Amino acid sequence: MVRRVRAPLGSGLDGVACVRATRFDPEPLPGVSTFRLSYRLGAEPDPGALECLLSEELERMQKFHFVDDRVRYAGTRSTLRRLLGEALALEPGRVPLETAAAGKPLVPAAFGLEFNVSHSGGEGLVALCRSGRVGVDVELIRHDVDHRALSARVFAPAELREFSGLDEAAARLRFYRGWVYKEAVLKALGLGIGAETRAFSVLERDALVIEAAKGALPVDARQLSVVALQAPAGYCAALAYVSD
């Protein structure tokens, strides 16, 4: 089942024009707060998006050559700071964001808050949870990608069987659905898409089912959950969670 966006975010994120944040309600997975970000591309980030960013973040934003990249960075970072600030009872500019060795943003473990972000094209995602680990992915569906060649390198045999008999349009859509499932799971595990993606399968049944041989993943597959998220036409999105 695809989890749908139903309720607008509260007043905590008002005043930012370059990104609109909307909460998924009900929660796509219990205990995980998830937000869809829609960016206003084509114009520079507005002051509302910049006011809570630190000087080094503003410096990084200015290094992006294209305006849309500056919008995605500023819109995502300011939304993330506001959401984390609300969760931690801190001013957004005082949230102690750090960067892991692989480049993943995080807050110190003492705060007991996990989060993950993703963006592609004009859409983004932020997910937060108090226990376990979380991963999100959103992808713009591109028609210049040889999805059939990539599928053989990315998907396990059980997943490839679900592609069998699909026409071109359906196969491309199934490829992107499968990609965001994989990416969300790998991000929740802290592995990233460079890991062996064929070590596990995400199969489309009445609910999404994760299958993996014993020892193929750093956790038991039963600790993993993944759901598809509602996304605008031309996008696919997913959320994954690893229980403690």
Protein backbone atom coordinates (compact mmCIF):
# COMPACT_ATOMS: atom_id res chain seq x y z
CA MET A 1 0.00 0.00 0.00
CA VAL A 2 1.28 3.52 -0.86
CA ARG A 3 1.24 5.90 2.12
CA ARG A 4 -0.34 9.21 1.14
CA VAL A 5 0.26 12.84 2.10
CA ARG A 6 -2.80 14.16 3.91
CA ALA A 7 -2.01 16.93 6.40
CA PRO A 8 -0.06 20.21 6.00
CA LEU A 9 2.88 20.89 8.27
CA GLY A 10 2.28 23.19 11.23
CA SER A 11 3.38 26.79 11.62
CA GLY A 12 6.94 25.85 12.58
CA LEU A 13 8.03 25.94 8.94
CA ASP A 14 6.03 28.94 7.73
CA GLY A 15 7.88 31.79 6.08
CA VAL A 16 10.12 29.79 3.72
CA ALA A 17 9.13 30.40 0.10
CA CYS A 18 11.60 28.19 -1.76
CA VAL A 19 10.36 24.94 -0.19
CA ARG A 20 6.99 23.67 1.00
CA ALA A 21 7.07 20.93 3.62
CA THR A 22 4.12 18.59 4.13
CA ARG A 23 3.78 15.90 6.79
CA PHE A 24 2.71 12.38 5.86
CA ASP A 25 -0.29 11.67 8.09
CA PRO A 26 -0.81 9.03 9.37
CA GLU A 27 2.82 8.09 9.90
CA PRO A 28 4.01 5.81 7.06
CA LEU A 29 5.69 3.59 9.68
CA PRO A 30 4.95 3.72 13.43
CA GLY A 31 7.25 6.11 15.25
CA VAL A 32 8.70 7.66 12.07
CA SER A 33 7.76 11.27 11.21
CA THR A 34 8.14 11.80 7.48
CA PHE A 35 7.89 15.00 5.45
CA ARG A 36 7.66 15.67 1.73
CA LEU A 37 9.54 18.72 0.46
CA SER A 38 8.48 20.50 -2.74
CA TYR A 39 11.03 23.02 -4.01
CA ARG A 40 10.41 26.24 -5.92
CA LEU A 41 13.12 25.92 -8.52
CA GLY A 42 14.41 28.58 -10.91
CA ALA A 43 14.82 31.42 -8.38
CA GLU A 44 17.40 32.01 -5.65
CA PRO A 45 16.63 30.77 -2.09
CA ASP A 46 14.64 33.34 -0.15
CA PRO A 47 15.75 34.99 3.14
CA GLY A 48 13.37 32.78 5.11
CA ALA A 49 15.37 29.72 4.03
CA LEU A 50 18.72 31.32 4.82
CA GLU A 51 18.11 32.89 8.22
CA CYS A 52 18.79 29.74 10.26
CA LEU A 53 21.79 28.52 8.25
CA LEU A 54 25.27 28.82 9.70
CA SER A 55 28.00 30.76 7.91
CA GLU A 56 29.70 27.59 6.73
CA GLU A 57 26.39 26.31 5.34
CA LEU A 58 25.84 29.57 3.45
CA GLU A 59 29.38 29.27 2.14
CA ARG A 60 28.73 25.74 0.92
CA MET A 61 25.47 26.80 -0.73
CA GLN A 62 27.25 29.52 -2.71
CA LYS A 63 29.66 26.96 -4.15
CA PHE A 64 26.85 25.31 -6.11
CA HIS A 65 27.02 26.52 -9.70
CA PHE A 66 23.33 26.08 -10.54
CA VAL A 67 20.52 27.96 -8.84
CA ASP A 68 18.37 24.82 -8.48
CA ASP A 69 21.16 23.11 -6.52
CA ARG A 70 21.34 26.15 -4.21
CA VAL A 71 17.57 25.97 -3.71
CA ARG A 72 17.63 22.24 -2.91
CA TYR A 73 20.50 22.67 -0.46
CA ALA A 74 19.09 25.72 1.33
CA GLY A 75 15.53 24.43 1.36
CA THR A 76 16.50 21.00 2.67
CA ARG A 77 18.97 22.28 5.26
CA SER A 78 16.66 24.97 6.65
CA THR A 79 13.72 22.54 6.83
CA LEU A 80 15.92 19.97 8.54
CA ARG A 81 17.16 22.52 11.09
CA ARG A 82 13.60 23.61 11.90
CA LEU A 83 12.32 20.05 12.28
CA LEU A 84 15.25 19.00 14.43
CA GLY A 85 14.97 22.19 16.47
CA GLU A 86 11.32 21.46 17.16
CA ALA A 87 12.11 17.86 18.15
CA LEU A 88 15.04 18.84 20.38
CA ALA A 89 13.54 22.07 21.80
CA LEU A 90 16.39 24.11 20.32
CA GLU A 91 16.56 27.17 18.09
CA PRO A 92 17.14 25.92 14.49
CA GLY A 93 20.49 27.68 14.28
CA ARG A 94 21.66 25.96 17.47
CA VAL A 95 20.99 22.38 16.35
CA PRO A 96 24.42 20.66 16.52
CA LEU A 97 24.50 19.12 13.05
CA GLU A 98 27.59 17.03 12.40
CA THR A 99 28.82 15.11 9.36
CA ALA A 100 29.77 11.44 9.41
CA ALA A 101 32.80 10.15 7.52
CA ALA A 102 30.62 9.18 4.55
CA GLY A 103 29.10 12.68 4.43
CA LYS A 104 25.81 11.79 6.13
CA PRO A 105 24.48 14.57 8.44
CA LEU A 106 23.66 13.58 12.03
CA VAL A 107 23.22 14.94 15.54
CA PRO A 108 25.26 13.62 18.48
CA ALA A 109 24.02 10.25 19.74
CA ALA A 110 23.24 11.75 23.15
CA PHE A 111 20.17 13.45 21.62
CA GLY A 112 18.62 10.10 20.74
CA LEU A 113 17.30 11.25 17.36
CA GLU A 114 17.87 9.62 13.97
CA PHE A 115 17.03 11.23 10.65
CA ASN A 116 17.63 10.92 6.93
CA VAL A 117 17.14 13.18 3.90
CA SER A 118 16.89 12.78 0.14
CA HIS A 119 16.13 15.02 -2.84
CA SER A 120 15.85 14.70 -6.59
CA GLY A 121 14.56 17.19 -9.13
CA GLY A 122 11.89 19.31 -7.46
CA GLU A 123 11.11 16.91 -4.61
CA GLY A 124 12.70 15.96 -1.28
CA LEU A 125 12.09 13.89 1.85
CA VAL A 126 13.01 14.16 5.54
CA ALA A 127 12.31 11.39 8.07
CA LEU A 128 12.97 11.41 11.84
CA CYS A 129 12.66 8.78 14.56
CA ARG A 130 13.54 8.40 18.25
CA SER A 131 14.59 4.75 18.10
CA GLY A 132 15.99 2.51 15.41
CA ARG A 133 17.40 3.88 12.16
CA VAL A 134 15.70 5.37 9.13
CA GLY A 135 16.40 5.85 5.42
CA VAL A 136 14.51 7.66 2.65
CA ASP A 137 14.91 8.01 -1.08
CA VAL A 138 13.10 9.95 -3.79
CA GLU A 139 14.02 9.75 -7.46
CA LEU A 140 12.97 11.67 -10.56
CA ILE A 141 12.11 9.12 -13.26
CA ARG A 142 14.46 9.71 -16.16
CA HIS A 143 13.92 8.41 -19.67
CA ASP A 144 17.56 8.65 -20.73
CA VAL A 145 18.58 5.82 -18.36
CA ASP A 146 19.06 2.27 -19.71
CA HIS A 147 17.04 0.72 -16.90
CA ARG A 148 17.12 -2.79 -18.34
CA ALA A 149 20.92 -2.91 -18.35
CA LEU A 150 21.08 -1.42 -14.86
CA SER A 151 18.48 -3.83 -13.52
CA ALA A 152 20.72 -6.82 -14.15
CA ARG A 153 23.47 -5.20 -12.05
CA VAL A 154 21.25 -3.86 -9.25
CA PHE A 155 18.50 -6.40 -8.58
CA ALA A 156 18.50 -9.93 -7.21
CA PRO A 157 17.03 -12.79 -9.29
CA ALA A 158 13.77 -12.80 -7.30
CA GLU A 159 13.28 -9.11 -8.09
CA LEU A 160 14.14 -9.56 -11.77
CA ARG A 161 11.39 -12.15 -12.03
CA GLU A 162 8.91 -9.41 -11.13
CA PHE A 163 10.09 -7.48 -14.22
CA SER A 164 9.33 -10.44 -16.50
CA GLY A 165 6.70 -9.70 -19.14
CA LEU A 166 6.39 -5.98 -18.33
CA ASP A 167 6.22 -3.54 -21.22
CA GLU A 168 8.73 -0.68 -21.49
CA ALA A 169 6.78 1.87 -19.43
CA ALA A 170 5.87 -0.60 -16.68
CA ALA A 171 9.42 -1.98 -16.52
CA ARG A 172 10.89 1.52 -16.16
CA LEU A 173 8.46 2.34 -13.36
CA ARG A 174 9.21 -0.97 -11.61
CA PHE A 175 12.94 -0.23 -11.92
CA TYR A 176 12.57 3.11 -10.16
CA ARG A 177 10.30 1.68 -7.49
CA GLY A 178 12.84 -1.03 -6.86
CA TRP A 179 15.68 1.50 -6.83
CA VAL A 180 14.11 3.68 -4.14
CA TYR A 181 13.28 0.60 -2.02
CA LYS A 182 16.93 -0.49 -2.22
CA GLU A 183 18.36 2.95 -1.58
CA ALA A 184 16.10 3.60 1.42
CA VAL A 185 17.02 0.23 2.98
CA LEU A 186 20.74 0.74 2.39
CA LYS A 187 20.63 4.25 3.86
CA ALA A 188 18.79 2.97 6.93
CA LEU A 189 21.54 0.37 7.30
CA GLY A 190 24.19 3.05 6.84
CA LEU A 191 25.60 1.32 3.75
CA GLY A 192 24.73 3.47 0.72
CA ILE A 193 24.08 2.39 -2.87
CA GLY A 194 27.73 1.32 -3.35
CA ALA A 195 26.97 -1.79 -1.29
CA GLU A 196 26.05 -5.13 -2.85
CA THR A 197 22.46 -4.39 -3.81
CA ARG A 198 21.79 -7.97 -4.95
CA ALA A 199 22.40 -9.30 -1.43
CA PHE A 200 18.71 -8.78 -0.64
CA SER A 201 15.38 -8.51 -2.43
CA VAL A 202 12.44 -6.15 -1.92
CA LEU A 203 9.42 -7.88 -3.41
CA GLU A 204 6.05 -6.34 -4.19
CA ARG A 205 3.39 -8.44 -2.46
CA ASP A 206 0.31 -7.15 -0.57
CA ALA A 207 2.98 -5.35 1.44
CA LEU A 208 6.64 -5.00 0.52
CA VAL A 209 8.65 -8.05 1.59
CA ILE A 210 12.41 -8.04 2.25
CA GLU A 211 14.24 -11.31 1.69
CA ALA A 212 17.94 -11.95 2.34
CA ALA A 213 20.14 -14.97 2.92
CA LYS A 214 21.41 -15.37 6.48
CA GLY A 215 24.42 -13.12 7.03
CA ALA A 216 23.88 -11.15 3.81
CA LEU A 217 22.90 -8.02 5.75
CA PRO A 218 24.28 -6.55 8.98
CA VAL A 219 20.89 -7.12 10.65
CA ASP A 220 18.22 -9.80 10.43
CA ALA A 221 15.82 -9.03 7.58
CA ARG A 222 12.96 -9.25 10.10
CA GLN A 223 14.26 -6.02 11.67
CA LEU A 224 13.71 -4.16 8.39
CA SER A 225 10.57 -2.46 7.12
CA VAL A 226 10.11 -0.56 3.86
CA VAL A 227 7.09 1.22 2.40
CA ALA A 228 6.39 3.13 -0.80
CA LEU A 229 5.53 6.79 -0.29
CA GLN A 230 3.15 8.86 -2.39
CA ALA A 231 5.08 11.01 -4.85
CA PRO A 232 4.05 13.34 -7.68
CA ALA A 233 3.78 12.00 -11.21
CA GLY A 234 7.25 11.33 -12.57
CA TYR A 235 8.79 10.42 -9.19
CA CYS A 236 9.14 7.36 -6.95
CA ALA A 237 9.79 7.48 -3.20
CA ALA A 238 10.29 5.08 -0.30
CA LEU A 239 10.94 4.96 3.45
CA ALA A 240 12.84 2.22 5.30
CA TYR A 241 13.29 1.55 9.01
CA VAL A 242 15.59 -0.71 11.02
CA SER A 243 14.31 -1.62 14.48
CA ASP A 244 16.71 -1.90 17.43
